[in-house]
């Protein structure tokens, strides 16, 4: 359906707005294409910057490598088509798509402006926004080459980790019992 052959698939899901930093993402992707031409970028979402972003892609001559997929109800399936998820946001709350991407088993590259609380697995890398595009490109390609298991990832440093949850619950009950 997406016309993807044997290509590296870089994915991004987000409203096409200033906050999500699509222009920088496209610049990173252009840098990737300089050394690895068998790549495609999936952009899922719509927004007020959509026309500007499409014009920028056309200006750079990247139309054959970038798919604008609009709003989709099948993002779970789209995660499975991706090799890496990239979010170079200028600022974020706790991005649900970042959590979903991790739990789809994807390596995720986030800007250093994305809160660290979004890191639930060992497949997350935070990259400073002021790093050069070439640095970002190398990190994205290295992550995309990571073909380790895409099964349910191991939870790291999360309250959702079973051991931490059990400890929190046990401590809570001990506190209650000590009051009796």
C-alpha atoms as a PDB file:
ATOM      1  CA  UNK A   1       0.000   0.000   0.000  1.00  0.00           C
ATOM      2  CA  UNK A   2       2.803   2.434   0.834  1.00  0.00           C
ATOM      3  CA  UNK A   3       4.966   1.488  -2.137  1.00  0.00           C
ATOM      4  CA  UNK A   4       7.866   0.549   0.109  1.00  0.00           C
ATOM      5  CA  UNK A   5      10.293  -1.996  -1.214  1.00  0.00           C
ATOM      6  CA  UNK A   6      13.514  -3.026   0.486  1.00  0.00           C
ATOM      7  CA  UNK A   7      14.104   0.399   2.016  1.00  0.00           C
ATOM      8  CA  UNK A   8      14.948   1.774   5.432  1.00  0.00           C
ATOM      9  CA  UNK A   9      11.756   3.301   6.804  1.00  0.00           C
ATOM     10  CA  UNK A  10      12.078   6.300   9.083  1.00  0.00           C
ATOM     11  CA  UNK A  11       8.832   7.327  10.725  1.00  0.00           C
ATOM     12  CA  UNK A  12       7.351  10.349  12.415  1.00  0.00           C
ATOM     13  CA  UNK A  13       3.847  10.895  13.747  1.00  0.00           C
ATOM     14  CA  UNK A  14       2.823  14.363  14.789  1.00  0.00           C
ATOM     15  CA  UNK A  15       0.788  17.424  14.049  1.00  0.00           C
ATOM     16  CA  UNK A  16       2.455  19.464  11.319  1.00  0.00           C
ATOM     17  CA  UNK A  17       3.224  22.490  13.462  1.00  0.00           C
ATOM     18  CA  UNK A  18       6.187  24.585  14.564  1.00  0.00           C
ATOM     19  CA  UNK A  19       6.594  22.523  17.753  1.00  0.00           C
ATOM     20  CA  UNK A  20       7.253  19.235  15.939  1.00  0.00           C
ATOM     21  CA  UNK A  21      10.188  20.685  13.955  1.00  0.00           C
ATOM     22  CA  UNK A  22       9.468  18.974  10.630  1.00  0.00           C
ATOM     23  CA  UNK A  23      11.887  21.171   8.675  1.00  0.00           C
ATOM     24  CA  UNK A  24      14.757  19.930  10.827  1.00  0.00           C
ATOM     25  CA  UNK A  25      13.535  16.341  10.427  1.00  0.00           C
ATOM     26  CA  UNK A  26      13.524  16.768   6.640  1.00  0.00           C
ATOM     27  CA  UNK A  27      17.037  18.271   6.771  1.00  0.00           C
ATOM     28  CA  UNK A  28      18.188  15.233   8.776  1.00  0.00           C
ATOM     29  CA  UNK A  29      16.560  12.968   6.216  1.00  0.00           C
ATOM     30  CA  UNK A  30      18.255  14.833   3.340  1.00  0.00           C
ATOM     31  CA  UNK A  31      21.571  14.266   5.138  1.00  0.00           C
ATOM     32  CA  UNK A  32      20.790  10.549   5.460  1.00  0.00           C
ATOM     33  CA  UNK A  33      20.073  10.310   1.732  1.00  0.00           C
ATOM     34  CA  UNK A  34      23.577  11.613   0.941  1.00  0.00           C
ATOM     35  CA  UNK A  35      25.050   8.330   2.141  1.00  0.00           C
ATOM     36  CA  UNK A  36      22.091   5.949   2.085  1.00  0.00           C
ATOM     37  CA  UNK A  37      19.726   6.451  -0.833  1.00  0.00           C
ATOM     38  CA  UNK A  38      17.452   3.476  -0.087  1.00  0.00           C
ATOM     39  CA  UNK A  39      15.392   5.268   2.582  1.00  0.00           C
ATOM     40  CA  UNK A  40      11.858   6.531   2.901  1.00  0.00           C
ATOM     41  CA  UNK A  41      10.396   8.965   5.440  1.00  0.00           C
ATOM     42  CA  UNK A  42       6.805   8.477   6.551  1.00  0.00           C
ATOM     43  CA  UNK A  43       5.127  11.630   7.848  1.00  0.00           C
ATOM     44  CA  UNK A  44       1.823  10.904   9.561  1.00  0.00           C
ATOM     45  CA  UNK A  45      -0.312  13.838  10.639  1.00  0.00           C
ATOM     46  CA  UNK A  46      -1.735  17.105   9.374  1.00  0.00           C
ATOM     47  CA  UNK A  47      -1.571  20.678  10.567  1.00  0.00           C
ATOM     48  CA  UNK A  48      -1.153  24.348   9.819  1.00  0.00           C
ATOM     49  CA  UNK A  49       2.433  23.906   8.509  1.00  0.00           C
ATOM     50  CA  UNK A  50       1.566  21.063   6.122  1.00  0.00           C
ATOM     51  CA  UNK A  51       1.670  23.160   2.929  1.00  0.00           C
ATOM     52  CA  UNK A  52       4.970  24.773   3.946  1.00  0.00           C
ATOM     53  CA  UNK A  53       6.471  21.376   4.710  1.00  0.00           C
ATOM     54  CA  UNK A  54       5.343  19.948   1.361  1.00  0.00           C
ATOM     55  CA  UNK A  55       6.845  22.944  -0.461  1.00  0.00           C
ATOM     56  CA  UNK A  56      10.115  22.476   1.426  1.00  0.00           C
ATOM     57  CA  UNK A  57      10.227  18.785   0.459  1.00  0.00           C
ATOM     58  CA  UNK A  58       9.605  19.718  -3.166  1.00  0.00           C
ATOM     59  CA  UNK A  59      12.280  22.455  -3.044  1.00  0.00           C
ATOM     60  CA  UNK A  60      14.829  19.881  -1.832  1.00  0.00           C
ATOM     61  CA  UNK A  61      13.722  17.364  -4.484  1.00  0.00           C
ATOM     62  CA  UNK A  62      12.769  14.711  -1.918  1.00  0.00           C
ATOM     63  CA  UNK A  63       9.238  13.921  -3.144  1.00  0.00           C
ATOM     64  CA  UNK A  64      10.199  10.388  -4.216  1.00  0.00           C
ATOM     65  CA  UNK A  65      11.489   9.571  -0.732  1.00  0.00           C
ATOM     66  CA  UNK A  66       8.902  11.182   1.555  1.00  0.00           C
ATOM     67  CA  UNK A  67       5.320   9.965   2.008  1.00  0.00           C
ATOM     68  CA  UNK A  68       2.733  12.324   3.466  1.00  0.00           C
ATOM     69  CA  UNK A  69       0.144   9.974   4.926  1.00  0.00           C
ATOM     70  CA  UNK A  70      -2.182  12.469   6.627  1.00  0.00           C
ATOM     71  CA  UNK A  71      -4.226  11.409   9.633  1.00  0.00           C
ATOM     72  CA  UNK A  72      -4.468   7.651   9.927  1.00  0.00           C
ATOM     73  CA  UNK A  73      -6.452   5.231  12.046  1.00  0.00           C
ATOM     74  CA  UNK A  74      -3.923   2.422  11.448  1.00  0.00           C
ATOM     75  CA  UNK A  75      -0.859   3.859  13.207  1.00  0.00           C
ATOM     76  CA  UNK A  76      -0.283   0.535  14.979  1.00  0.00           C
ATOM     77  CA  UNK A  77       0.282  -1.073  11.585  1.00  0.00           C
ATOM     78  CA  UNK A  78       2.398   1.861  10.393  1.00  0.00           C
ATOM     79  CA  UNK A  79       4.749   1.439  13.368  1.00  0.00           C
ATOM     80  CA  UNK A  80       5.336  -2.092  12.120  1.00  0.00           C
ATOM     81  CA  UNK A  81       6.440  -0.737   8.731  1.00  0.00           C
ATOM     82  CA  UNK A  82       9.051   1.526  10.370  1.00  0.00           C
ATOM     83  CA  UNK A  83      12.656   0.733  11.191  1.00  0.00           C
ATOM     84  CA  UNK A  84      13.132   3.767  13.454  1.00  0.00           C
ATOM     85  CA  UNK A  85      10.956   6.507  14.941  1.00  0.00           C
ATOM     86  CA  UNK A  86      12.286  10.087  15.057  1.00  0.00           C
ATOM     87  CA  UNK A  87      10.905  13.015  17.056  1.00  0.00           C
ATOM     88  CA  UNK A  88      13.053  16.177  16.881  1.00  0.00           C
ATOM     89  CA  UNK A  89      10.498  18.344  18.701  1.00  0.00           C
ATOM     90  CA  UNK A  90      11.327  21.838  19.942  1.00  0.00           C
ATOM     91  CA  UNK A  91       9.219  21.192  23.053  1.00  0.00           C
ATOM     92  CA  UNK A  92       6.862  18.454  24.255  1.00  0.00           C
ATOM     93  CA  UNK A  93       4.693  17.331  27.120  1.00  0.00           C
ATOM     94  CA  UNK A  94       4.671  13.548  27.401  1.00  0.00           C
ATOM     95  CA  UNK A  95       4.247  12.448  23.766  1.00  0.00           C
ATOM     96  CA  UNK A  96       1.933   9.446  23.520  1.00  0.00           C
ATOM     97  CA  UNK A  97       3.327   8.562  20.073  1.00  0.00           C
ATOM     98  CA  UNK A  98       6.773   8.249  21.646  1.00  0.00           C
ATOM     99  CA  UNK A  99       5.416   5.719  24.118  1.00  0.00           C
ATOM    100  CA  UNK A 100       3.480   3.851  21.399  1.00  0.00           C
ATOM    101  CA  UNK A 101       6.543   3.679  19.162  1.00  0.00           C
ATOM    102  CA  UNK A 102       8.608   2.160  21.969  1.00  0.00           C
ATOM    103  CA  UNK A 103       5.980  -0.424  22.764  1.00  0.00           C
ATOM    104  CA  UNK A 104       5.911  -1.341  19.085  1.00  0.00           C
ATOM    105  CA  UNK A 105       9.533  -2.349  19.592  1.00  0.00           C
ATOM    106  CA  UNK A 106      10.977   0.555  17.604  1.00  0.00           C
ATOM    107  CA  UNK A 107      14.240   2.281  18.336  1.00  0.00           C
ATOM    108  CA  UNK A 108      13.318   5.910  19.061  1.00  0.00           C
ATOM    109  CA  UNK A 109      15.388   9.026  18.548  1.00  0.00           C
ATOM    110  CA  UNK A 110      14.077  12.013  20.501  1.00  0.00           C
ATOM    111  CA  UNK A 111      15.376  15.557  20.791  1.00  0.00           C
ATOM    112  CA  UNK A 112      16.716  16.643  24.135  1.00  0.00           C
ATOM    113  CA  UNK A 113      13.572  18.788  24.438  1.00  0.00           C
ATOM    114  CA  UNK A 114      11.393  15.688  24.844  1.00  0.00           C
ATOM    115  CA  UNK A 115      10.993  14.873  28.572  1.00  0.00           C
ATOM    116  CA  UNK A 116      13.108  11.988  29.830  1.00  0.00           C
ATOM    117  CA  UNK A 117       9.969  10.518  31.435  1.00  0.00           C
ATOM    118  CA  UNK A 118       9.040   9.206  27.976  1.00  0.00           C
ATOM    119  CA  UNK A 119      11.940   6.728  28.154  1.00  0.00           C
ATOM    120  CA  UNK A 120      10.328   3.389  28.931  1.00  0.00           C
ATOM    121  CA  UNK A 121      12.705   1.067  27.068  1.00  0.00           C
ATOM    122  CA  UNK A 122      16.377   0.635  26.342  1.00  0.00           C
ATOM    123  CA  UNK A 123      15.822   1.590  22.683  1.00  0.00           C
ATOM    124  CA  UNK A 124      15.588   5.347  23.285  1.00  0.00           C
ATOM    125  CA  UNK A 125      18.266   7.889  22.452  1.00  0.00           C
ATOM    126  CA  UNK A 126      18.030  11.598  23.242  1.00  0.00           C
ATOM    127  CA  UNK A 127      19.997  13.859  20.895  1.00  0.00           C
ATOM    128  CA  UNK A 128      20.627  17.569  21.456  1.00  0.00           C
ATOM    129  CA  UNK A 129      18.821  19.765  18.953  1.00  0.00           C
ATOM    130  CA  UNK A 130      21.984  21.809  18.496  1.00  0.00           C
ATOM    131  CA  UNK A 131      23.926  18.764  17.251  1.00  0.00           C
ATOM    132  CA  UNK A 132      24.696  18.874  13.542  1.00  0.00           C
ATOM    133  CA  UNK A 133      22.300  17.213  11.111  1.00  0.00           C
ATOM    134  CA  UNK A 134      25.048  14.772  10.156  1.00  0.00           C
ATOM    135  CA  UNK A 135      25.288  13.620  13.797  1.00  0.00           C
ATOM    136  CA  UNK A 136      21.517  13.124  13.879  1.00  0.00           C
ATOM    137  CA  UNK A 137      21.638  11.284  10.532  1.00  0.00           C
ATOM    138  CA  UNK A 138      24.322   8.864  11.760  1.00  0.00           C
ATOM    139  CA  UNK A 139      22.374   8.141  14.954  1.00  0.00           C
ATOM    140  CA  UNK A 140      19.135   7.534  13.027  1.00  0.00           C
ATOM    141  CA  UNK A 141      20.818   5.172  10.551  1.00  0.00           C
ATOM    142  CA  UNK A 142      22.590   3.264  13.342  1.00  0.00           C
ATOM    143  CA  UNK A 143      19.259   2.851  15.152  1.00  0.00           C
ATOM    144  CA  UNK A 144      17.508   1.720  11.947  1.00  0.00           C
ATOM    145  CA  UNK A 145      20.169  -0.952  11.441  1.00  0.00           C
ATOM    146  CA  UNK A 146      19.406  -2.353  14.895  1.00  0.00           C
ATOM    147  CA  UNK A 147      17.503  -5.475  13.922  1.00  0.00           C
ATOM    148  CA  UNK A 148      17.254  -6.842  17.437  1.00  0.00           C
ATOM    149  CA  UNK A 149      14.013  -8.325  18.595  1.00  0.00           C
ATOM    150  CA  UNK A 150      10.920  -6.166  18.049  1.00  0.00           C
ATOM    151  CA  UNK A 151       8.957  -8.078  20.674  1.00  0.00           C
ATOM    152  CA  UNK A 152       7.623  -6.311  23.751  1.00  0.00           C
ATOM    153  CA  UNK A 153      10.641  -4.331  24.953  1.00  0.00           C
ATOM    154  CA  UNK A 154      12.127  -4.511  28.409  1.00  0.00           C
ATOM    155  CA  UNK A 155      10.883  -1.677  30.586  1.00  0.00           C
ATOM    156  CA  UNK A 156      13.547   0.584  32.063  1.00  0.00           C
ATOM    157  CA  UNK A 157      13.309   3.052  34.904  1.00  0.00           C
ATOM    158  CA  UNK A 158       9.535   3.039  34.757  1.00  0.00           C
ATOM    159  CA  UNK A 159       6.871   2.798  37.395  1.00  0.00           C
ATOM    160  CA  UNK A 160       5.272   0.330  34.996  1.00  0.00           C
ATOM    161  CA  UNK A 161       8.129  -2.113  35.569  1.00  0.00           C
ATOM    162  CA  UNK A 162       6.664  -5.049  37.536  1.00  0.00           C
ATOM    163  CA  UNK A 163       9.409  -5.068  40.175  1.00  0.00           C
ATOM    164  CA  UNK A 164       9.014  -1.357  40.882  1.00  0.00           C
ATOM    165  CA  UNK A 165       5.236  -1.616  40.915  1.00  0.00           C
ATOM    166  CA  UNK A 166       5.368  -4.521  43.361  1.00  0.00           C
ATOM    167  CA  UNK A 167       7.757  -2.629  45.638  1.00  0.00           C
ATOM    168  CA  UNK A 168       5.576   0.498  45.570  1.00  0.00           C
ATOM    169  CA  UNK A 169       2.480  -1.530  46.400  1.00  0.00           C
ATOM    170  CA  UNK A 170       4.223  -3.480  49.172  1.00  0.00           C
ATOM    171  CA  UNK A 171       5.551  -0.259  50.727  1.00  0.00           C
ATOM    172  CA  UNK A 172       2.091   1.269  50.538  1.00  0.00           C
ATOM    173  CA  UNK A 173       0.528  -1.688  52.370  1.00  0.00           C
ATOM    174  CA  UNK A 174       3.296  -1.661  55.002  1.00  0.00           C
ATOM    175  CA  UNK A 175       2.588   2.011  55.598  1.00  0.00           C
ATOM    176  CA  UNK A 176      -1.124   1.299  56.018  1.00  0.00           C
ATOM    177  CA  UNK A 177      -0.435  -1.565  58.439  1.00  0.00           C
ATOM    178  CA  UNK A 178       1.915   0.559  60.531  1.00  0.00           C
ATOM    179  CA  UNK A 179      -0.958   3.015  61.148  1.00  0.00           C
ATOM    180  CA  UNK A 180      -3.225   0.297  62.550  1.00  0.00           C
END
